[in-house]
């Protein structure tokens, strides 16, 4: 299989602003993606991630700012001159064409010689695991197979940048898992610069070199999956990336005190009442000598390789513990818990505490 990508291009968004009428959806966005890097734009619906992707693709016009591909300003360049491949949430295959013919389409538009085009299309289908299904029409392919044809069609022209707009959201869970791993494998094999839009934080963390968490037209934080999970820069990132329980605390210096348990604080020292984000894997049954608080088991859920148990504390807060499946709890049982002394993100608001988690 010889399908290759021409030299991967860096992508740069510099002060990018986008207005739709009187509504501003991107507020001076700055983002630099290295050649061959896989970066996900992650955030809830309406945060501006798809708009940013469409601006890179040239499907929307900038209000202000600059977009560069490979160091060249393409802000006014038409989509078909940007040397990109794009895969949408909808498969967008031509129903009257076979998988091979769909894959050939972009090469035919570029007037690639027929023999070369057919060879490259066959290689692209082989790359996505559909070498034997080139003569199938879309109606006879599963959703996952149709999306792989769409991926082959995006790759067959050897683009310098690959743009993926929530390409897995219409698929069932098992197919999504398989296809996301395949996309990552192909991206690493080809070394193609890739921008992936998703609202699924597990998906973004699993396959990205870096993730940009977006909120209300801004980038809250960009970093490796480990950096976002372990050292969230803002409460928005702490709430959206991974699962946490939000519990009341008091900050004194560089520590937050929750139920008389001292927890290191991420960010600059401060004082006063706050709420802290506690990851479920950092909650444990208290041992001898551990600082502790009392709680009653509300629910316990079996998740295959682990359990999650929700507790209600004596001061009417909710906190979740993630633990081994061999450790079981009966509803209504009183348990003494503690929290590992791991740095926590802080939110300085006063609301009723609850368990918060990322959107699925």
Protein backbone atom coordinates (compact mmCIF):
# COMPACT_ATOMS: atom_id res chain seq x y z
CA UNK A 1 0.00 0.00 0.00
CA UNK A 2 1.68 3.23 -1.14
CA UNK A 3 -0.82 5.97 -0.30
CA UNK A 4 1.16 8.86 1.15
CA UNK A 5 0.58 12.41 2.30
CA UNK A 6 2.55 15.26 0.85
CA UNK A 7 4.58 17.16 3.44
CA UNK A 8 2.24 17.77 6.38
CA UNK A 9 1.31 21.41 6.91
CA UNK A 10 1.27 23.47 10.07
CA UNK A 11 -2.08 25.13 10.85
CA UNK A 12 -2.27 28.52 12.54
CA UNK A 13 -5.28 30.57 13.62
CA UNK A 14 -4.27 34.11 14.55
CA UNK A 15 -6.80 36.38 16.22
CA UNK A 16 -9.66 34.64 14.42
CA UNK A 17 -13.03 36.33 14.86
CA UNK A 18 -16.31 35.08 13.42
CA UNK A 19 -19.65 36.85 13.60
CA UNK A 20 -22.99 35.55 12.43
CA UNK A 21 -25.02 38.71 12.10
CA UNK A 22 -24.81 40.47 15.46
CA UNK A 23 -23.68 37.33 17.28
CA UNK A 24 -19.97 36.78 17.80
CA UNK A 25 -19.17 33.07 18.01
CA UNK A 26 -15.35 33.21 17.97
CA UNK A 27 -13.50 35.84 19.96
CA UNK A 28 -9.94 36.28 18.70
CA UNK A 29 -9.04 32.58 18.57
CA UNK A 30 -5.32 31.75 18.56
CA UNK A 31 -4.18 28.20 17.86
CA UNK A 32 -1.02 26.71 16.37
CA UNK A 33 -0.86 23.07 15.23
CA UNK A 34 2.47 21.52 14.29
CA UNK A 35 2.95 19.52 11.07
CA UNK A 36 1.77 15.95 11.64
CA UNK A 37 0.07 16.75 14.95
CA UNK A 38 -3.38 15.43 15.93
CA UNK A 39 -5.32 18.15 17.76
CA UNK A 40 -8.92 17.87 18.94
CA UNK A 41 -11.27 20.80 19.46
CA UNK A 42 -13.40 19.74 22.43
CA UNK A 43 -16.37 21.45 23.96
CA UNK A 44 -20.14 21.57 24.37
CA UNK A 45 -22.58 22.42 21.60
CA UNK A 46 -22.38 26.07 20.65
CA UNK A 47 -18.80 26.63 21.86
CA UNK A 48 -17.52 27.45 18.35
CA UNK A 49 -15.48 24.31 17.59
CA UNK A 50 -17.24 23.40 14.33
CA UNK A 51 -17.16 27.03 13.21
CA UNK A 52 -13.39 27.05 13.74
CA UNK A 53 -13.05 23.89 11.66
CA UNK A 54 -15.21 25.28 8.86
CA UNK A 55 -13.08 28.42 8.80
CA UNK A 56 -9.94 26.30 8.40
CA UNK A 57 -11.68 24.50 5.55
CA UNK A 58 -12.79 27.75 3.89
CA UNK A 59 -16.47 26.85 4.24
CA UNK A 60 -17.08 30.04 6.24
CA UNK A 61 -15.60 33.51 5.77
CA UNK A 62 -13.55 35.18 8.48
CA UNK A 63 -14.81 38.31 10.16
CA UNK A 64 -11.28 39.14 11.28
CA UNK A 65 -7.91 37.48 11.80
CA UNK A 66 -5.71 35.18 9.73
CA UNK A 67 -5.64 31.46 8.96
CA UNK A 68 -2.39 29.95 7.73
CA UNK A 69 -1.74 26.53 6.25
CA UNK A 70 1.93 25.64 5.86
CA UNK A 71 2.88 29.22 6.73
CA UNK A 72 0.76 30.67 3.91
CA UNK A 73 -2.20 32.96 4.57
CA UNK A 74 -5.25 31.18 3.11
CA UNK A 75 -7.88 33.44 4.66
CA UNK A 76 -9.23 34.35 1.21
CA UNK A 77 -8.39 31.08 -0.55
CA UNK A 78 -11.31 28.91 -1.81
CA UNK A 79 -11.82 25.51 -0.20
CA UNK A 80 -10.74 23.60 -3.31
CA UNK A 81 -7.38 25.39 -3.30
CA UNK A 82 -6.49 24.71 0.35
CA UNK A 83 -5.17 21.15 -0.09
CA UNK A 84 -7.31 19.68 2.69
CA UNK A 85 -9.41 16.56 3.20
CA UNK A 86 -12.60 16.72 5.23
CA UNK A 87 -14.90 14.13 6.80
CA UNK A 88 -18.30 15.25 8.08
CA UNK A 89 -20.67 13.78 10.65
CA UNK A 90 -23.01 12.78 7.81
CA UNK A 91 -21.35 10.32 5.45
CA UNK A 92 -22.30 12.38 2.37
CA UNK A 93 -21.60 9.56 -0.06
CA UNK A 94 -23.08 9.56 -3.57
CA UNK A 95 -25.75 6.83 -3.36
CA UNK A 96 -25.50 5.95 -7.06
CA UNK A 97 -21.73 5.33 -6.89
CA UNK A 98 -19.89 2.34 -5.45
CA UNK A 99 -17.38 2.68 -2.61
CA UNK A 100 -14.55 2.70 -5.14
CA UNK A 101 -16.30 5.27 -7.35
CA UNK A 102 -16.99 7.49 -4.33
CA UNK A 103 -13.33 7.30 -3.40
CA UNK A 104 -12.26 8.09 -6.98
CA UNK A 105 -14.38 11.23 -7.18
CA UNK A 106 -11.84 13.76 -5.88
CA UNK A 107 -9.12 12.42 -8.14
CA UNK A 108 -11.42 12.61 -11.15
CA UNK A 109 -12.17 16.25 -10.34
CA UNK A 110 -8.40 16.83 -10.37
CA UNK A 111 -8.19 15.07 -13.75
CA UNK A 112 -5.80 12.45 -12.41
CA UNK A 113 -5.03 9.82 -15.10
CA UNK A 114 -7.53 6.96 -14.83
CA UNK A 115 -5.08 4.15 -14.12
CA UNK A 116 -3.29 6.15 -11.40
CA UNK A 117 -6.60 7.30 -9.89
CA UNK A 118 -7.94 3.75 -9.70
CA UNK A 119 -4.75 2.50 -8.05
CA UNK A 120 -4.75 5.30 -5.47
CA UNK A 121 -8.46 4.78 -4.70
CA UNK A 122 -7.89 1.06 -4.19
CA UNK A 123 -4.97 1.85 -1.86
CA UNK A 124 -7.10 4.30 0.12
CA UNK A 125 -9.83 1.68 0.58
CA UNK A 126 -7.19 -0.82 1.67
CA UNK A 127 -5.89 1.73 4.18
CA UNK A 128 -9.31 1.95 5.84
CA UNK A 129 -9.89 -1.81 5.75
CA UNK A 130 -12.37 -1.94 2.84
CA UNK A 131 -10.22 -3.42 0.09
CA UNK A 132 -12.80 -6.12 -0.65
CA UNK A 133 -15.86 -3.85 -0.65
CA UNK A 134 -15.04 -1.43 -3.45
CA UNK A 135 -17.94 -2.64 -5.61
CA UNK A 136 -20.56 -2.15 -2.88
CA UNK A 137 -23.06 0.70 -3.00
CA UNK A 138 -23.61 2.81 0.15
CA UNK A 139 -27.02 1.24 0.89
CA UNK A 140 -25.32 -2.16 1.31
CA UNK A 141 -22.68 -0.86 3.74
CA UNK A 142 -23.01 -0.39 7.50
CA UNK A 143 -22.71 3.07 9.04
CA UNK A 144 -19.14 2.42 10.10
CA UNK A 145 -18.21 1.17 6.63
CA UNK A 146 -19.78 4.22 4.98
CA UNK A 147 -17.81 6.51 7.24
CA UNK A 148 -14.62 4.65 6.35
CA UNK A 149 -15.39 5.21 2.66
CA UNK A 150 -15.78 8.91 3.48
CA UNK A 151 -12.39 8.79 5.22
CA UNK A 152 -10.80 7.06 2.21
CA UNK A 153 -12.27 9.71 -0.08
CA UNK A 154 -10.76 12.46 2.10
CA UNK A 155 -7.33 10.80 2.12
CA UNK A 156 -7.07 9.70 -1.51
CA UNK A 157 -6.02 13.15 -2.77
CA UNK A 158 -3.05 13.15 -0.33
CA UNK A 159 -4.11 16.34 1.50
CA UNK A 160 -1.69 18.21 3.74
CA UNK A 161 -4.37 18.65 6.43
CA UNK A 162 -7.25 16.36 7.44
CA UNK A 163 -10.32 17.91 9.07
CA UNK A 164 -12.80 15.68 10.93
CA UNK A 165 -16.13 17.17 12.04
CA UNK A 166 -17.63 14.80 14.65
CA UNK A 167 -17.27 11.88 12.22
CA UNK A 168 -18.18 9.24 14.82
CA UNK A 169 -21.21 10.75 16.54
CA UNK A 170 -23.79 8.92 14.38
CA UNK A 171 -22.28 5.49 15.08
CA UNK A 172 -22.99 3.03 17.87
CA UNK A 173 -20.56 2.78 20.78
CA UNK A 174 -18.60 -0.29 19.69
CA UNK A 175 -18.16 0.93 16.11
CA UNK A 176 -17.11 4.36 17.39
CA UNK A 177 -14.40 2.78 19.52
CA UNK A 178 -13.07 0.70 16.63
CA UNK A 179 -13.14 3.53 14.11
CA UNK A 180 -11.52 6.12 16.36
CA UNK A 181 -8.60 3.75 16.92
CA UNK A 182 -8.39 3.18 13.17
CA UNK A 183 -8.39 6.92 12.47
CA UNK A 184 -5.54 7.40 14.94
CA UNK A 185 -3.56 4.53 13.43
CA UNK A 186 -3.99 5.91 9.91
CA UNK A 187 -3.06 9.42 11.04
CA UNK A 188 0.12 8.18 12.66
CA UNK A 189 0.96 6.01 9.65
CA UNK A 190 0.57 8.89 7.20
CA UNK A 191 1.86 11.64 9.49
CA UNK A 192 -0.94 13.93 8.40
CA UNK A 193 -1.82 17.08 10.31
CA UNK A 194 -5.30 16.44 11.73
CA UNK A 195 -7.94 18.62 13.40
CA UNK A 196 -10.74 16.62 15.03
CA UNK A 197 -13.93 18.20 16.36
CA UNK A 198 -15.86 16.38 19.08
CA UNK A 199 -18.02 16.95 22.15
CA UNK A 200 -16.99 13.56 23.57
CA UNK A 201 -14.13 14.10 26.03
CA UNK A 202 -13.23 10.40 26.22
CA UNK A 203 -12.86 10.33 22.45
CA UNK A 204 -10.64 13.42 22.43
CA UNK A 205 -8.41 12.20 25.26
CA UNK A 206 -7.99 8.76 23.70
CA UNK A 207 -6.60 9.74 20.31
CA UNK A 208 -5.15 13.27 20.45
CA UNK A 209 -1.63 14.60 20.80
CA UNK A 210 -3.18 17.75 22.26
CA UNK A 211 -6.73 18.87 23.05
CA UNK A 212 -8.08 22.42 22.93
CA UNK A 213 -11.04 22.80 25.30
CA UNK A 214 -13.37 25.48 23.96
CA UNK A 215 -16.06 27.45 25.72
CA UNK A 216 -18.17 30.34 24.41
CA UNK A 217 -15.86 31.06 21.49
CA UNK A 218 -12.62 30.93 23.48
CA UNK A 219 -9.97 28.30 24.13
CA UNK A 220 -10.02 27.66 27.88
CA UNK A 221 -6.91 25.48 27.79
CA UNK A 222 -4.85 23.51 25.30
CA UNK A 223 -2.55 20.70 26.34
CA UNK A 224 -1.92 16.98 26.29
CA UNK A 225 -4.72 14.75 27.57
CA UNK A 226 -2.70 14.18 30.75
CA UNK A 227 -2.23 17.92 31.32
CA UNK A 228 -5.93 18.68 30.90
CA UNK A 229 -7.00 15.90 33.25
CA UNK A 230 -4.38 16.33 35.96
CA UNK A 231 -3.90 20.11 35.89
CA UNK A 232 -7.05 21.81 34.54
CA UNK A 233 -6.41 25.52 34.20
CA UNK A 234 -10.00 26.66 34.75
CA UNK A 235 -13.18 25.36 36.40
CA UNK A 236 -14.68 24.88 32.92
CA UNK A 237 -11.91 22.45 31.99
CA UNK A 238 -12.11 20.66 35.34
CA UNK A 239 -15.85 20.18 34.89
CA UNK A 240 -15.79 19.15 31.24
CA UNK A 241 -12.75 16.89 31.11
CA UNK A 242 -13.33 13.72 33.08
CA UNK A 243 -15.71 13.23 35.98
CA UNK A 244 -15.57 15.10 39.30
CA UNK A 245 -17.59 15.73 42.42
CA UNK A 246 -17.97 19.39 43.32
CA UNK A 247 -17.69 19.82 47.09
CA UNK A 248 -17.50 22.77 49.46
CA UNK A 249 -14.17 23.78 50.91
CA UNK A 250 -12.29 26.68 52.48
CA UNK A 251 -8.97 27.84 51.04
CA UNK A 252 -6.14 28.79 53.35
CA UNK A 253 -2.97 29.64 51.46
CA UNK A 254 -2.13 26.88 48.99
CA UNK A 255 -4.54 24.32 50.46
CA UNK A 256 -8.28 23.76 50.31
CA UNK A 257 -9.82 22.18 53.40
CA UNK A 258 -12.79 19.89 52.79
CA UNK A 259 -14.13 18.05 55.87
CA UNK A 260 -10.84 18.91 57.63
CA UNK A 261 -8.88 17.18 54.86
CA UNK A 262 -6.14 19.41 53.35
CA UNK A 263 -5.97 19.31 49.52
CA UNK A 264 -3.31 21.11 47.46
CA UNK A 265 -4.79 23.77 45.19
CA UNK A 266 -4.09 24.19 41.47
CA UNK A 267 -3.43 27.81 40.61
CA UNK A 268 -2.33 30.82 42.65
CA UNK A 269 -2.86 30.89 46.45
CA UNK A 270 -6.02 32.56 47.66
CA UNK A 271 -8.37 32.50 50.65
CA UNK A 272 -12.05 32.05 51.42
CA UNK A 273 -14.97 29.78 50.65
CA UNK A 274 -14.91 27.81 47.43
CA UNK A 275 -15.84 24.55 45.76
CA UNK A 276 -13.26 21.99 44.64
CA UNK A 277 -13.36 19.33 41.93
CA UNK A 278 -12.60 15.90 43.38
CA UNK A 279 -11.93 13.04 40.94
CA UNK A 280 -13.71 9.77 41.83
CA UNK A 281 -10.46 7.77 41.78
CA UNK A 282 -9.09 10.02 44.55
CA UNK A 283 -11.87 9.11 47.01
CA UNK A 284 -11.15 6.09 49.22
CA UNK A 285 -12.45 4.27 52.26
CA UNK A 286 -10.58 5.79 55.20
CA UNK A 287 -7.92 3.69 56.88
CA UNK A 288 -6.58 3.93 60.41
CA UNK A 289 -5.22 7.41 61.03
CA UNK A 290 -6.61 8.94 57.83
CA UNK A 291 -8.55 12.22 57.99
CA UNK A 292 -12.14 11.29 57.26
CA UNK A 293 -15.75 12.22 56.77
CA UNK A 294 -18.91 10.13 57.14
CA UNK A 295 -21.27 9.34 54.27
CA UNK A 296 -24.12 7.00 53.34
CA UNK A 297 -24.22 4.90 50.18
CA UNK A 298 -26.81 6.25 47.72
CA UNK A 299 -26.16 4.11 44.61
CA UNK A 300 -23.47 1.78 43.31
CA UNK A 301 -22.99 1.02 39.61
CA UNK A 302 -21.14 -1.89 38.03
CA UNK A 303 -19.17 -0.73 34.95
CA UNK A 304 -17.34 -3.89 33.98
CA UNK A 305 -13.74 -3.15 34.92
CA UNK A 306 -14.71 -0.91 37.86
CA UNK A 307 -17.55 0.32 40.04
CA UNK A 308 -18.71 3.84 40.82
CA UNK A 309 -20.46 4.43 44.12
CA UNK A 310 -22.31 7.63 44.99
CA UNK A 311 -22.33 8.74 48.63
CA UNK A 312 -24.31 11.41 50.48
CA UNK A 313 -22.32 13.03 53.24
CA UNK A 314 -23.63 14.02 56.65
CA UNK A 315 -23.65 17.67 55.51
CA UNK A 316 -25.81 16.69 52.49
CA UNK A 317 -23.20 16.76 49.75
CA UNK A 318 -22.74 14.17 47.00
CA UNK A 319 -19.41 12.57 46.23
CA UNK A 320 -18.52 9.71 43.89
CA UNK A 321 -15.87 7.05 44.44
CA UNK A 322 -14.41 4.90 41.67
CA UNK A 323 -13.11 1.57 42.90
CA UNK A 324 -12.36 -2.07 42.18
CA UNK A 325 -15.29 -4.34 41.32
CA UNK A 326 -14.40 -6.59 44.23
CA UNK A 327 -15.21 -3.78 46.67
CA UNK A 328 -19.00 -3.68 47.08
CA UNK A 329 -21.32 -1.48 49.16
CA UNK A 330 -24.91 -1.94 50.30
CA UNK A 331 -27.34 0.95 49.77
CA UNK A 332 -27.82 2.84 53.03
CA UNK A 333 -24.54 1.71 54.61
CA UNK A 334 -22.51 4.32 56.51
CA UNK A 335 -18.89 4.54 55.39
CA UNK A 336 -15.91 6.63 56.51
CA UNK A 337 -14.20 8.17 53.47
CA UNK A 338 -11.07 10.17 52.78
CA UNK A 339 -9.60 12.05 49.82
CA UNK A 340 -6.10 11.54 48.45
CA UNK A 341 -3.91 14.68 48.77
CA UNK A 342 -3.91 15.34 45.02
CA UNK A 343 -4.04 18.92 43.65
CA UNK A 344 -7.61 20.07 42.99
CA UNK A 345 -9.13 22.72 40.75
CA UNK A 346 -11.14 25.43 42.49
CA UNK A 347 -14.38 27.22 41.66
CA UNK A 348 -15.17 30.29 43.71
CA UNK A 349 -18.96 30.21 43.66
CA UNK A 350 -21.49 29.26 46.29
CA UNK A 351 -24.03 26.75 45.00
CA UNK A 352 -25.47 23.50 46.20
CA UNK A 353 -22.81 20.84 45.60
CA UNK A 354 -23.42 18.01 43.17
CA UNK A 355 -21.58 15.51 41.07
CA UNK A 356 -20.67 16.97 37.70
CA UNK A 357 -19.41 15.09 34.69
CA UNK A 358 -18.46 15.63 31.12
CA UNK A 359 -21.08 15.39 28.41
CA UNK A 360 -21.32 12.03 26.63
